[in-house]
Amino acid sequence: MRSNNTIKHFINTMIQGLFWLLPIVATIIIISWLYTNIENVLGSMFRLIGFMPEKYLFLWEALAVVVFLIILYILGHLARTKLANLFEYLFSKIPGYTTIRELVGIFNSSKKGKNQVLVVAIKGFGNEGYNIGLMYSQKESIIKDHYTITLSMSPIPNGGFMFEIHKDKIYVIENATFDNNLQYLLSMGVKSFTEILRIEPKSIDEFTPLCEWIKNNEG
């Protein structure tokens, strides 16, 4: 029995490590692919005017990095404009694009305001206690005054349950992110949210009610 528990613990720990590593590896692969393609395009352009990157390798690499960062900045700026909405509308006609975009957006901790993924505490399903969940959208549910909350499974958050919760039972854990919640789930509660966020425990009344949070972040 003890041997089986040890093997199960070993496998669960490896899977936790895999889930932690996957977003990092995916990010590195995407950045590497973008950088390589930008470098190839720039190299072809400079060779047309007689500049040979191979002769000035260090200077060329530095220039490629600077151009890459500038392009990322421009794309980030365009993402906030109406031009981005036009591109999104055109790409949304491609089957599967919207689903992929939403899945990628889940892992984007830089989103703010109404597009932010919220970590929330909701009134538990018994008479006592609360549950920690995620709120991927601040859009009202089909049930008036209710919002959709997802409770993920632990320690492997590859599934969960969705509930429609009344707004008066939802409290926002401000400054908590999707990444913080993932750490909490993977630790199976061994690492508390107070440790992850480096804050002192609070009473439920000290957290921001959802209605107040939405009002403060309108526009």
N, C-alpha and C. Protein backbone atom coordinates (compact mmCIF):
# COMPACT_ATOMS: atom_id res chain seq x y z
N MET A 1 0.83 -1.21 0.00
CA MET A 1 0.00 0.00 0.00
C MET A 1 0.86 1.26 0.00
N ARG A 2 1.90 1.25 0.85
CA ARG A 2 2.78 2.40 0.93
C ARG A 2 3.52 2.60 -0.38
N SER A 3 3.90 1.46 -1.01
CA SER A 3 4.59 1.53 -2.30
C SER A 3 3.69 2.16 -3.36
N ASN A 4 2.41 1.79 -3.37
CA ASN A 4 1.47 2.36 -4.34
C ASN A 4 1.29 3.86 -4.13
N ASN A 5 1.22 4.28 -2.87
CA ASN A 5 1.09 5.71 -2.56
C ASN A 5 2.32 6.48 -3.01
N THR A 6 3.50 5.87 -2.84
CA THR A 6 4.74 6.52 -3.26
C THR A 6 4.77 6.70 -4.77
N ILE A 7 4.37 5.65 -5.50
CA ILE A 7 4.34 5.72 -6.96
C ILE A 7 3.33 6.77 -7.43
N LYS A 8 2.15 6.78 -6.78
CA LYS A 8 1.11 7.75 -7.14
C LYS A 8 1.59 9.17 -6.88
N HIS A 9 2.26 9.38 -5.74
CA HIS A 9 2.80 10.70 -5.41
C HIS A 9 3.85 11.11 -6.44
N PHE A 10 4.71 10.16 -6.83
CA PHE A 10 5.77 10.43 -7.80
C PHE A 10 5.17 10.85 -9.14
N ILE A 11 4.15 10.11 -9.59
CA ILE A 11 3.51 10.41 -10.88
C ILE A 11 2.80 11.76 -10.83
N ASN A 12 2.07 12.03 -9.74
CA ASN A 12 1.37 13.31 -9.60
C ASN A 12 2.33 14.48 -9.60
N THR A 13 3.47 14.29 -8.92
CA THR A 13 4.47 15.35 -8.87
C THR A 13 5.05 15.62 -10.25
N MET A 14 5.30 14.56 -11.02
CA MET A 14 5.82 14.73 -12.39
C MET A 14 4.81 15.45 -13.27
N ILE A 15 3.53 15.10 -13.12
CA ILE A 15 2.49 15.75 -13.92
C ILE A 15 2.37 17.23 -13.55
N GLN A 16 2.50 17.54 -12.26
CA GLN A 16 2.49 18.94 -11.82
C GLN A 16 3.63 19.70 -12.47
N GLY A 17 4.80 19.07 -12.51
CA GLY A 17 5.96 19.69 -13.15
C GLY A 17 5.72 19.93 -14.63
N LEU A 18 5.04 18.97 -15.28
CA LEU A 18 4.74 19.11 -16.70
C LEU A 18 3.81 20.28 -16.95
N PHE A 19 2.75 20.39 -16.14
CA PHE A 19 1.81 21.50 -16.29
C PHE A 19 2.48 22.84 -16.03
N TRP A 20 3.44 22.86 -15.11
CA TRP A 20 4.17 24.10 -14.83
C TRP A 20 5.09 24.46 -15.98
N LEU A 21 5.67 23.44 -16.63
CA LEU A 21 6.66 23.66 -17.68
C LEU A 21 6.04 24.00 -19.03
N LEU A 22 4.86 23.43 -19.33
CA LEU A 22 4.27 23.59 -20.66
C LEU A 22 4.10 25.04 -21.11
N PRO A 23 3.51 25.94 -20.28
CA PRO A 23 3.37 27.33 -20.73
C PRO A 23 4.71 28.00 -21.02
N ILE A 24 5.74 27.66 -20.23
CA ILE A 24 7.07 28.24 -20.44
C ILE A 24 7.65 27.77 -21.77
N VAL A 25 7.56 26.46 -22.02
CA VAL A 25 8.08 25.89 -23.27
C VAL A 25 7.34 26.46 -24.47
N ALA A 26 6.01 26.56 -24.37
CA ALA A 26 5.21 27.10 -25.47
C ALA A 26 5.60 28.54 -25.77
N THR A 27 5.81 29.34 -24.72
CA THR A 27 6.21 30.74 -24.90
C THR A 27 7.57 30.83 -25.57
N ILE A 28 8.53 30.00 -25.13
CA ILE A 28 9.87 30.01 -25.72
C ILE A 28 9.82 29.62 -27.19
N ILE A 29 9.02 28.59 -27.52
CA ILE A 29 8.91 28.14 -28.92
C ILE A 29 8.34 29.24 -29.80
N ILE A 30 7.29 29.92 -29.33
CA ILE A 30 6.65 30.98 -30.12
C ILE A 30 7.61 32.15 -30.32
N ILE A 31 8.28 32.58 -29.24
CA ILE A 31 9.22 33.70 -29.34
C ILE A 31 10.37 33.34 -30.28
N SER A 32 10.89 32.11 -30.15
CA SER A 32 11.99 31.65 -31.01
C SER A 32 11.57 31.64 -32.47
N TRP A 33 10.35 31.17 -32.73
CA TRP A 33 9.85 31.12 -34.11
C TRP A 33 9.71 32.53 -34.70
N LEU A 34 9.14 33.44 -33.92
CA LEU A 34 8.98 34.81 -34.38
C LEU A 34 10.33 35.47 -34.65
N TYR A 35 11.26 35.29 -33.70
CA TYR A 35 12.58 35.91 -33.83
C TYR A 35 13.31 35.38 -35.06
N THR A 36 13.28 34.07 -35.27
CA THR A 36 13.96 33.46 -36.41
C THR A 36 13.41 33.99 -37.73
N ASN A 37 12.09 34.09 -37.82
CA ASN A 37 11.48 34.58 -39.06
C ASN A 37 11.78 36.05 -39.31
N ILE A 38 11.74 36.85 -38.24
CA ILE A 38 12.07 38.28 -38.39
C ILE A 38 13.52 38.44 -38.81
N GLU A 39 14.41 37.65 -38.20
CA GLU A 39 15.83 37.72 -38.54
C GLU A 39 16.06 37.32 -40.00
N ASN A 40 15.36 36.29 -40.47
CA ASN A 40 15.52 35.84 -41.87
C ASN A 40 15.04 36.90 -42.85
N VAL A 41 13.90 37.52 -42.54
CA VAL A 41 13.36 38.57 -43.42
C VAL A 41 14.29 39.77 -43.46
N LEU A 42 14.76 40.20 -42.29
CA LEU A 42 15.69 41.33 -42.24
C LEU A 42 16.98 41.01 -42.98
N GLY A 43 17.48 39.78 -42.79
CA GLY A 43 18.71 39.38 -43.47
C GLY A 43 18.58 39.46 -44.97
N SER A 44 17.45 38.99 -45.50
CA SER A 44 17.22 39.04 -46.95
C SER A 44 17.16 40.48 -47.44
N MET A 45 16.51 41.35 -46.67
CA MET A 45 16.40 42.76 -47.06
C MET A 45 17.76 43.44 -47.08
N PHE A 46 18.58 43.20 -46.05
CA PHE A 46 19.89 43.84 -45.98
C PHE A 46 20.84 43.31 -47.04
N ARG A 47 20.71 42.04 -47.40
CA ARG A 47 21.58 41.48 -48.44
C ARG A 47 21.30 42.11 -49.79
N LEU A 48 20.05 42.54 -50.00
CA LEU A 48 19.68 43.19 -51.25
C LEU A 48 20.40 44.52 -51.44
N ILE A 49 20.75 45.17 -50.32
CA ILE A 49 21.45 46.47 -50.42
C ILE A 49 22.96 46.31 -50.20
N GLY A 50 23.41 45.05 -50.19
CA GLY A 50 24.85 44.81 -50.12
C GLY A 50 25.43 44.61 -48.74
N PHE A 51 24.58 44.65 -47.70
CA PHE A 51 25.08 44.43 -46.34
C PHE A 51 25.04 42.94 -46.02
N MET A 52 26.19 42.39 -45.62
CA MET A 52 26.29 40.96 -45.33
C MET A 52 26.31 40.75 -43.81
N PRO A 53 25.23 40.28 -43.22
CA PRO A 53 25.15 40.08 -41.77
C PRO A 53 26.25 39.18 -41.22
N GLU A 54 26.70 38.21 -42.03
CA GLU A 54 27.71 37.26 -41.56
C GLU A 54 29.03 37.93 -41.19
N LYS A 55 29.31 39.08 -41.78
CA LYS A 55 30.58 39.77 -41.51
C LYS A 55 30.54 40.57 -40.21
N TYR A 56 29.36 40.91 -39.77
CA TYR A 56 29.20 41.70 -38.54
C TYR A 56 28.18 40.99 -37.64
N LEU A 57 28.52 39.78 -37.23
CA LEU A 57 27.56 38.91 -36.55
C LEU A 57 27.01 39.51 -35.27
N PHE A 58 27.90 40.06 -34.41
CA PHE A 58 27.44 40.62 -33.13
C PHE A 58 26.53 41.81 -33.36
N LEU A 59 26.94 42.70 -34.26
CA LEU A 59 26.13 43.88 -34.57
C LEU A 59 24.78 43.47 -35.15
N TRP A 60 24.81 42.45 -35.99
CA TRP A 60 23.58 41.97 -36.62
C TRP A 60 22.61 41.38 -35.59
N GLU A 61 23.13 40.57 -34.69
CA GLU A 61 22.28 39.97 -33.66
C GLU A 61 21.66 41.04 -32.77
N ALA A 62 22.46 42.05 -32.41
CA ALA A 62 21.96 43.15 -31.57
C ALA A 62 20.85 43.91 -32.30
N LEU A 63 21.06 44.15 -33.60
CA LEU A 63 20.06 44.86 -34.40
C LEU A 63 18.77 44.05 -34.51
N ALA A 64 18.92 42.74 -34.72
CA ALA A 64 17.75 41.87 -34.84
C ALA A 64 16.93 41.86 -33.55
N VAL A 65 17.61 41.85 -32.40
CA VAL A 65 16.92 41.87 -31.10
C VAL A 65 16.15 43.17 -30.93
N VAL A 66 16.79 44.29 -31.28
CA VAL A 66 16.15 45.61 -31.15
C VAL A 66 14.91 45.69 -32.04
N VAL A 67 15.04 45.25 -33.29
CA VAL A 67 13.91 45.28 -34.22
C VAL A 67 12.78 44.37 -33.72
N PHE A 68 13.15 43.21 -33.19
CA PHE A 68 12.16 42.26 -32.66
C PHE A 68 11.37 42.90 -31.51
N LEU A 69 12.07 43.57 -30.59
CA LEU A 69 11.40 44.21 -29.46
C LEU A 69 10.51 45.36 -29.91
N ILE A 70 10.97 46.11 -30.93
CA ILE A 70 10.17 47.21 -31.46
C ILE A 70 8.88 46.68 -32.09
N ILE A 71 9.00 45.58 -32.83
CA ILE A 71 7.82 44.98 -33.47
C ILE A 71 6.82 44.50 -32.41
N LEU A 72 7.33 43.88 -31.34
CA LEU A 72 6.45 43.44 -30.26
C LEU A 72 5.73 44.63 -29.63
N TYR A 73 6.45 45.74 -29.45
CA TYR A 73 5.85 46.94 -28.86
C TYR A 73 4.76 47.50 -29.78
N ILE A 74 5.05 47.54 -31.08
CA ILE A 74 4.07 48.06 -32.04
C ILE A 74 2.82 47.18 -32.06
N LEU A 75 3.02 45.86 -32.04
CA LEU A 75 1.88 44.94 -32.02
C LEU A 75 1.06 45.11 -30.74
N GLY A 76 1.76 45.30 -29.61
CA GLY A 76 1.06 45.53 -28.35
C GLY A 76 0.25 46.81 -28.38
N HIS A 77 0.81 47.85 -29.03
CA HIS A 77 0.09 49.12 -29.15
C HIS A 77 -1.12 48.98 -30.08
N LEU A 78 -0.92 48.27 -31.20
CA LEU A 78 -2.02 48.09 -32.15
C LEU A 78 -3.16 47.27 -31.55
N ALA A 79 -2.80 46.39 -30.62
CA ALA A 79 -3.82 45.54 -29.99
C ALA A 79 -4.84 46.35 -29.22
N ARG A 80 -4.49 47.61 -28.91
CA ARG A 80 -5.40 48.47 -28.14
C ARG A 80 -6.22 49.39 -29.04
N THR A 81 -6.05 49.30 -30.35
CA THR A 81 -6.71 50.22 -31.27
C THR A 81 -7.85 49.53 -32.01
N LYS A 82 -8.61 50.34 -32.75
CA LYS A 82 -9.72 49.81 -33.55
C LYS A 82 -9.22 48.95 -34.70
N LEU A 83 -7.96 49.20 -35.13
CA LEU A 83 -7.39 48.39 -36.20
C LEU A 83 -7.32 46.92 -35.79
N ALA A 84 -7.00 46.70 -34.51
CA ALA A 84 -6.94 45.32 -34.00
C ALA A 84 -8.32 44.67 -34.06
N ASN A 85 -9.35 45.46 -33.78
CA ASN A 85 -10.72 44.92 -33.85
C ASN A 85 -11.08 44.48 -35.27
N LEU A 86 -10.57 45.25 -36.26
CA LEU A 86 -10.82 44.89 -37.66
C LEU A 86 -10.16 43.56 -38.00
N PHE A 87 -8.88 43.41 -37.60
CA PHE A 87 -8.16 42.16 -37.86
C PHE A 87 -8.84 40.99 -37.15
N GLU A 88 -9.28 41.22 -35.92
CA GLU A 88 -9.95 40.16 -35.17
C GLU A 88 -11.25 39.75 -35.84
N TYR A 89 -11.95 40.73 -36.39
CA TYR A 89 -13.20 40.42 -37.08
C TYR A 89 -12.94 39.55 -38.31
N LEU A 90 -11.89 39.89 -39.06
CA LEU A 90 -11.55 39.13 -40.26
C LEU A 90 -11.11 37.71 -39.90
N PHE A 91 -10.24 37.60 -38.87
CA PHE A 91 -9.73 36.29 -38.48
C PHE A 91 -10.81 35.44 -37.80
N SER A 92 -11.81 36.10 -37.22
CA SER A 92 -12.87 35.34 -36.53
C SER A 92 -13.68 34.49 -37.50
N LYS A 93 -13.57 34.79 -38.80
CA LYS A 93 -14.26 33.99 -39.82
C LYS A 93 -13.56 32.66 -40.06
N ILE A 94 -12.30 32.56 -39.59
CA ILE A 94 -11.55 31.31 -39.74
C ILE A 94 -12.01 30.33 -38.66
N PRO A 95 -12.44 29.14 -39.04
CA PRO A 95 -12.92 28.16 -38.04
C PRO A 95 -11.87 27.86 -36.98
N GLY A 96 -12.26 27.95 -35.73
CA GLY A 96 -11.35 27.60 -34.63
C GLY A 96 -10.56 28.77 -34.08
N TYR A 97 -10.50 29.90 -34.83
CA TYR A 97 -9.67 31.03 -34.36
C TYR A 97 -10.18 31.59 -33.03
N THR A 98 -11.48 31.80 -32.94
CA THR A 98 -12.05 32.40 -31.72
C THR A 98 -11.79 31.52 -30.50
N THR A 99 -11.95 30.21 -30.67
CA THR A 99 -11.72 29.29 -29.55
C THR A 99 -10.27 29.33 -29.10
N ILE A 100 -9.34 29.29 -30.07
CA ILE A 100 -7.91 29.32 -29.75
C ILE A 100 -7.55 30.64 -29.07
N ARG A 101 -8.11 31.75 -29.58
CA ARG A 101 -7.81 33.06 -29.00
C ARG A 101 -8.27 33.13 -27.55
N GLU A 102 -9.44 32.59 -27.26
CA GLU A 102 -9.96 32.62 -25.89
C GLU A 102 -9.13 31.74 -24.96
N LEU A 103 -8.68 30.59 -25.47
CA LEU A 103 -7.85 29.71 -24.65
C LEU A 103 -6.52 30.36 -24.32
N VAL A 104 -5.91 31.02 -25.33
CA VAL A 104 -4.65 31.72 -25.09
C VAL A 104 -4.86 32.87 -24.12
N GLY A 105 -6.01 33.55 -24.26
CA GLY A 105 -6.31 34.68 -23.39
C GLY A 105 -6.41 34.31 -21.93
N ILE A 106 -6.76 33.07 -21.65
CA ILE A 106 -6.86 32.61 -20.27
C ILE A 106 -5.53 32.75 -19.56
N PHE A 107 -4.43 32.50 -20.29
CA PHE A 107 -3.10 32.52 -19.68
C PHE A 107 -2.47 33.91 -19.70
N ASN A 108 -3.19 34.90 -20.23
CA ASN A 108 -2.65 36.25 -20.33
C ASN A 108 -2.93 37.03 -19.06
N SER A 109 -1.95 37.08 -18.19
CA SER A 109 -2.13 37.76 -16.89
C SER A 109 -2.04 39.27 -17.01
N SER A 110 -1.70 39.79 -18.20
CA SER A 110 -1.55 41.24 -18.35
C SER A 110 -2.88 41.92 -18.64
N LYS A 111 -3.94 41.15 -18.87
CA LYS A 111 -5.23 41.76 -19.16
C LYS A 111 -5.76 42.49 -17.93
N LYS A 112 -6.38 43.63 -18.17
CA LYS A 112 -6.90 44.44 -17.07
C LYS A 112 -8.37 44.76 -17.31
N GLY A 113 -9.00 45.31 -16.26
CA GLY A 113 -10.37 45.78 -16.38
C GLY A 113 -11.34 44.66 -16.69
N LYS A 114 -12.29 44.96 -17.59
CA LYS A 114 -13.37 44.01 -17.85
C LYS A 114 -12.91 42.74 -18.56
N ASN A 115 -11.69 42.75 -19.12
CA ASN A 115 -11.16 41.56 -19.79
C ASN A 115 -10.31 40.70 -18.88
N GLN A 116 -10.13 41.12 -17.65
CA GLN A 116 -9.25 40.42 -16.72
C GLN A 116 -9.89 39.14 -16.19
N VAL A 117 -9.07 38.09 -16.08
CA VAL A 117 -9.53 36.86 -15.43
C VAL A 117 -9.45 37.09 -13.92
N LEU A 118 -10.58 36.97 -13.24
CA LEU A 118 -10.63 37.26 -11.81
C LEU A 118 -10.54 35.99 -10.97
N VAL A 119 -9.79 36.09 -9.89
CA VAL A 119 -9.80 35.03 -8.87
C VAL A 119 -10.79 35.49 -7.82
N VAL A 120 -11.77 34.65 -7.53
CA VAL A 120 -12.85 35.07 -6.63
C VAL A 120 -13.11 34.05 -5.53
N ALA A 121 -13.67 34.55 -4.44
CA ALA A 121 -14.17 33.69 -3.36
C ALA A 121 -15.68 33.71 -3.45
N ILE A 122 -16.29 32.55 -3.44
CA ILE A 122 -17.75 32.48 -3.52
C ILE A 122 -18.30 31.75 -2.30
N LYS A 123 -19.49 32.12 -1.92
CA LYS A 123 -20.15 31.47 -0.79
C LYS A 123 -20.28 29.99 -1.08
N GLY A 124 -19.83 29.16 -0.13
CA GLY A 124 -19.81 27.72 -0.33
C GLY A 124 -21.19 27.12 -0.52
N PHE A 125 -21.22 25.87 -0.92
CA PHE A 125 -22.48 25.20 -1.22
C PHE A 125 -23.14 24.62 0.03
N GLY A 126 -22.43 24.71 1.17
CA GLY A 126 -23.04 24.33 2.44
C GLY A 126 -23.39 25.60 3.20
N ASN A 127 -23.69 25.46 4.46
CA ASN A 127 -24.02 26.62 5.28
C ASN A 127 -22.78 27.41 5.66
N GLU A 128 -21.63 26.75 5.63
CA GLU A 128 -20.39 27.39 6.04
C GLU A 128 -19.37 27.32 4.91
N GLY A 129 -18.37 28.19 4.99
CA GLY A 129 -17.22 28.08 4.10
C GLY A 129 -17.38 28.79 2.76
N TYR A 130 -16.23 28.88 2.06
CA TYR A 130 -16.16 29.53 0.76
C TYR A 130 -15.33 28.67 -0.19
N ASN A 131 -15.52 28.89 -1.49
CA ASN A 131 -14.73 28.23 -2.52
C ASN A 131 -13.94 29.28 -3.29
N ILE A 132 -12.74 28.90 -3.72
CA ILE A 132 -11.93 29.78 -4.56
C ILE A 132 -12.12 29.35 -6.01
N GLY A 133 -12.48 30.28 -6.87
CA GLY A 133 -12.72 29.95 -8.27
C GLY A 133 -12.21 31.03 -9.21
N LEU A 134 -12.45 30.82 -10.49
CA LEU A 134 -12.04 31.77 -11.52
C LEU A 134 -13.25 32.31 -12.26
N MET A 135 -13.17 33.57 -12.61
CA MET A 135 -14.23 34.23 -13.36
C MET A 135 -13.61 34.75 -14.65
N TYR A 136 -13.86 34.05 -15.76
CA TYR A 136 -13.21 34.37 -17.02
C TYR A 136 -13.87 35.53 -17.75
N SER A 137 -15.09 35.85 -17.38
CA SER A 137 -15.81 36.94 -18.04
C SER A 137 -16.69 37.66 -17.03
N GLN A 138 -16.77 38.97 -17.18
CA GLN A 138 -17.63 39.75 -16.30
C GLN A 138 -19.00 40.00 -16.93
N LYS A 139 -19.34 39.18 -17.93
CA LYS A 139 -20.66 39.30 -18.56
C LYS A 139 -21.70 38.57 -17.71
N GLU A 140 -22.84 39.20 -17.57
CA GLU A 140 -23.90 38.60 -16.76
C GLU A 140 -24.41 37.30 -17.38
N SER A 141 -24.74 36.35 -16.54
CA SER A 141 -25.24 35.05 -16.99
C SER A 141 -26.63 35.18 -17.60
N ILE A 142 -27.10 34.10 -18.20
CA ILE A 142 -28.48 34.07 -18.71
C ILE A 142 -29.47 34.20 -17.55
N ILE A 143 -29.03 33.85 -16.34
CA ILE A 143 -29.85 34.03 -15.14
C ILE A 143 -29.54 35.42 -14.58
N LYS A 144 -30.52 36.25 -14.44
CA LYS A 144 -30.33 37.64 -14.02
C LYS A 144 -29.57 37.73 -12.70
N ASP A 145 -28.60 38.66 -12.65
CA ASP A 145 -27.80 38.94 -11.46
C ASP A 145 -26.87 37.78 -11.08
N HIS A 146 -26.67 36.84 -11.98
CA HIS A 146 -25.75 35.73 -11.74
C HIS A 146 -24.57 35.82 -12.71
N TYR A 147 -23.43 35.26 -12.30
CA TYR A 147 -22.23 35.24 -13.12
C TYR A 147 -21.62 33.84 -13.10
N THR A 148 -20.93 33.49 -14.19
CA THR A 148 -20.36 32.15 -14.32
C THR A 148 -19.01 32.06 -13.61
N ILE A 149 -18.90 31.11 -12.70
CA ILE A 149 -17.67 30.86 -11.96
C ILE A 149 -17.20 29.43 -12.25
N THR A 150 -15.91 29.28 -12.50
CA THR A 150 -15.34 27.95 -12.75
C THR A 150 -14.53 27.50 -11.54
N LEU A 151 -14.82 26.32 -11.05
CA LEU A 151 -14.04 25.71 -9.97
C LEU A 151 -13.22 24.58 -10.59
N SER A 152 -11.90 24.74 -10.59
CA SER A 152 -11.01 23.76 -11.21
C SER A 152 -10.67 22.63 -10.25
N MET A 153 -10.30 21.48 -10.82
CA MET A 153 -9.91 20.34 -10.01
C MET A 153 -8.46 20.48 -9.55
N SER A 154 -8.13 19.81 -8.47
CA SER A 154 -6.77 19.83 -7.92
C SER A 154 -6.33 18.39 -7.68
N PRO A 155 -5.04 18.05 -7.89
CA PRO A 155 -3.93 18.95 -8.22
C PRO A 155 -3.76 19.20 -9.71
N ILE A 156 -4.42 18.41 -10.56
CA ILE A 156 -4.27 18.59 -12.00
C ILE A 156 -5.49 19.34 -12.54
N PRO A 157 -5.34 20.63 -12.85
CA PRO A 157 -6.50 21.44 -13.27
C PRO A 157 -6.88 21.23 -14.73
N ASN A 158 -7.08 19.96 -15.12
CA ASN A 158 -7.46 19.67 -16.50
C ASN A 158 -8.97 19.50 -16.65
N GLY A 159 -9.70 19.94 -15.66
CA GLY A 159 -11.15 19.88 -15.70
C GLY A 159 -11.72 20.64 -14.52
N GLY A 160 -13.02 20.68 -14.44
CA GLY A 160 -13.64 21.40 -13.34
C GLY A 160 -15.14 21.50 -13.53
N PHE A 161 -15.75 22.44 -12.83
CA PHE A 161 -17.20 22.61 -12.88
C PHE A 161 -17.54 24.09 -13.01
N MET A 162 -18.61 24.37 -13.76
CA MET A 162 -19.06 25.74 -13.95
C MET A 162 -20.37 25.94 -13.20
N PHE A 163 -20.45 27.07 -12.49
CA PHE A 163 -21.65 27.37 -11.70
C PHE A 163 -22.10 28.80 -11.99
N GLU A 164 -23.40 29.01 -11.94
CA GLU A 164 -23.97 30.36 -12.04
C GLU A 164 -24.23 30.84 -10.62
N ILE A 165 -23.46 31.84 -10.19
CA ILE A 165 -23.50 32.30 -8.80
C ILE A 165 -24.08 33.72 -8.72
N HIS A 166 -24.93 33.97 -7.74
CA HIS A 166 -25.50 35.31 -7.56
C HIS A 166 -24.39 36.29 -7.19
N LYS A 167 -24.49 37.50 -7.73
CA LYS A 167 -23.44 38.50 -7.56
C LYS A 167 -23.16 38.84 -6.10
N ASP A 168 -24.16 38.73 -5.24
CA ASP A 168 -23.97 39.06 -3.83
C ASP A 168 -23.11 38.03 -3.09
N LYS A 169 -22.87 36.88 -3.73
CA LYS A 169 -22.08 35.82 -3.09
C LYS A 169 -20.66 35.72 -3.67
N ILE A 170 -20.29 36.73 -4.49
CA ILE A 170 -18.98 36.70 -5.16
C ILE A 170 -18.11 37.84 -4.64
N TYR A 171 -16.89 37.50 -4.21
CA TYR A 171 -15.93 38.49 -3.72
C TYR A 171 -14.63 38.36 -4.51
N VAL A 172 -14.12 39.49 -4.98
CA VAL A 172 -12.90 39.48 -5.81
C VAL A 172 -11.66 39.50 -4.93
N ILE A 173 -10.74 38.57 -5.20
CA ILE A 173 -9.44 38.58 -4.52
C ILE A 173 -8.51 39.42 -5.39
N GLU A 174 -8.45 40.70 -5.10
CA GLU A 174 -7.68 41.62 -5.94
C GLU A 174 -6.19 41.30 -5.88
N ASN A 175 -5.51 41.57 -7.00
CA ASN A 175 -4.08 41.32 -7.19
C ASN A 175 -3.77 39.84 -7.39
N ALA A 176 -4.76 38.96 -7.23
CA ALA A 176 -4.54 37.54 -7.52
C ALA A 176 -4.74 37.31 -9.01
N THR A 177 -3.90 36.46 -9.61
CA THR A 177 -3.95 36.21 -11.04
C THR A 177 -4.25 34.74 -11.33
N PHE A 178 -4.44 34.46 -12.60
CA PHE A 178 -4.63 33.07 -13.05
C PHE A 178 -3.44 32.22 -12.61
N ASP A 179 -2.24 32.77 -12.74
CA ASP A 179 -1.02 32.04 -12.35
C ASP A 179 -1.02 31.72 -10.86
N ASN A 180 -1.45 32.68 -10.05
CA ASN A 180 -1.52 32.46 -8.59
C ASN A 180 -2.48 31.32 -8.27
N ASN A 181 -3.62 31.32 -8.96
CA ASN A 181 -4.61 30.26 -8.72
C ASN A 181 -4.07 28.90 -9.13
N LEU A 182 -3.29 28.88 -10.23
CA LEU A 182 -2.70 27.63 -10.69
C LEU A 182 -1.71 27.08 -9.66
N GLN A 183 -0.91 27.96 -9.07
CA GLN A 183 0.02 27.54 -8.01
C GLN A 183 -0.76 26.92 -6.84
N TYR A 184 -1.85 27.57 -6.50
CA TYR A 184 -2.68 27.11 -5.38
C TYR A 184 -3.24 25.72 -5.65
N LEU A 185 -3.72 25.50 -6.87
CA LEU A 185 -4.30 24.20 -7.23
C LEU A 185 -3.25 23.10 -7.25
N LEU A 186 -2.09 23.40 -7.83
CA LEU A 186 -1.03 22.40 -7.94
C LEU A 186 -0.49 21.98 -6.58
N SER A 187 -0.54 22.91 -5.62
CA SER A 187 -0.02 22.59 -4.28
C SER A 187 -1.04 21.83 -3.44
N MET A 188 -2.27 21.69 -3.95
CA MET A 188 -3.36 21.03 -3.22
C MET A 188 -3.61 21.68 -1.86
N GLY A 189 -3.41 22.99 -1.79
CA GLY A 189 -3.67 23.72 -0.55
C GLY A 189 -2.51 23.74 0.41
N VAL A 190 -1.43 23.01 0.08
CA VAL A 190 -0.25 23.03 0.95
C VAL A 190 0.32 24.44 1.01
N LYS A 191 0.26 25.11 -0.15
CA LYS A 191 0.68 26.51 -0.21
C LYS A 191 -0.58 27.36 -0.22
N SER A 192 -0.79 28.13 0.82
CA SER A 192 -2.02 28.92 0.92
C SER A 192 -1.92 30.18 0.07
N PHE A 193 -3.08 30.79 -0.19
CA PHE A 193 -3.09 32.03 -0.97
C PHE A 193 -2.37 33.16 -0.25
N THR A 194 -2.36 33.13 1.07
CA THR A 194 -1.63 34.16 1.80
C THR A 194 -0.13 34.07 1.51
N GLU A 195 0.39 32.86 1.37
CA GLU A 195 1.80 32.68 1.02
C GLU A 195 2.07 33.10 -0.41
N ILE A 196 1.18 32.71 -1.31
CA ILE A 196 1.37 33.01 -2.73
C ILE A 196 1.32 34.52 -2.98
N LEU A 197 0.36 35.21 -2.36
CA LEU A 197 0.20 36.65 -2.56
C LEU A 197 1.02 37.48 -1.57
N ARG A 198 1.57 36.79 -0.55
CA ARG A 198 2.37 37.46 0.49
C ARG A 198 1.56 38.54 1.21
N ILE A 199 0.39 38.14 1.66
CA ILE A 199 -0.48 39.05 2.41
C ILE A 199 -0.96 38.35 3.67
N GLU A 200 -1.54 39.13 4.56
CA GLU A 200 -2.11 38.57 5.78
C GLU A 200 -3.54 38.10 5.52
N PRO A 201 -4.02 37.10 6.25
CA PRO A 201 -5.41 36.64 6.08
C PRO A 201 -6.39 37.79 6.34
N LYS A 202 -7.51 37.78 5.61
CA LYS A 202 -8.53 38.82 5.76
C LYS A 202 -9.89 38.18 6.04
N SER A 203 -10.76 38.94 6.65
CA SER A 203 -12.14 38.48 6.79
C SER A 203 -12.82 38.67 5.44
N ILE A 204 -13.90 37.95 5.19
CA ILE A 204 -14.56 38.01 3.89
C ILE A 204 -15.05 39.42 3.57
N ASP A 205 -15.39 40.19 4.59
CA ASP A 205 -15.88 41.56 4.37
C ASP A 205 -14.80 42.51 3.87
N GLU A 206 -13.54 42.11 4.01
CA GLU A 206 -12.44 42.96 3.55
C GLU A 206 -12.15 42.79 2.06
N PHE A 207 -12.72 41.75 1.45
CA PHE A 207 -12.56 41.57 0.01
C PHE A 207 -13.59 42.41 -0.74
N THR A 208 -13.28 42.74 -1.99
CA THR A 208 -14.16 43.60 -2.77
C THR A 208 -15.33 42.82 -3.35
N PRO A 209 -16.57 43.21 -3.04
CA PRO A 209 -17.74 42.55 -3.64
C PRO A 209 -17.71 42.73 -5.16
N LEU A 210 -18.20 41.75 -5.90
CA LEU A 210 -18.15 41.81 -7.36
C LEU A 210 -18.81 43.06 -7.92
N CYS A 211 -19.97 43.43 -7.40
CA CYS A 211 -20.68 44.62 -7.90
C CYS A 211 -19.80 45.87 -7.80
N GLU A 212 -19.12 46.00 -6.68
CA GLU A 212 -18.25 47.15 -6.46
C GLU A 212 -17.06 47.10 -7.41
N TRP A 213 -16.49 45.90 -7.61
CA TRP A 213 -15.33 45.76 -8.50
C TRP A 213 -15.70 46.15 -9.93
N ILE A 214 -16.85 45.67 -10.41
CA ILE A 214 -17.29 45.98 -11.77
C ILE A 214 -17.51 47.48 -11.93
N LYS A 215 -18.12 48.10 -10.93
CA LYS A 215 -18.38 49.54 -10.98
C LYS A 215 -17.08 50.33 -11.04
N ASN A 216 -16.07 49.90 -10.28
CA ASN A 216 -14.78 50.60 -10.25
C ASN A 216 -13.98 50.42 -11.53
N ASN A 217 -14.30 49.37 -12.31
CA ASN A 217 -13.52 49.07 -13.51
C ASN A 217 -14.31 49.28 -14.80
N GLU A 218 -15.41 49.97 -14.72
CA GLU A 218 -16.19 50.27 -15.92
C GLU A 218 -15.42 51.21 -16.82
N GLY A 219 -15.55 50.97 -18.12
CA GLY A 219 -14.88 51.84 -19.09
C GLY A 219 -13.43 51.53 -19.24
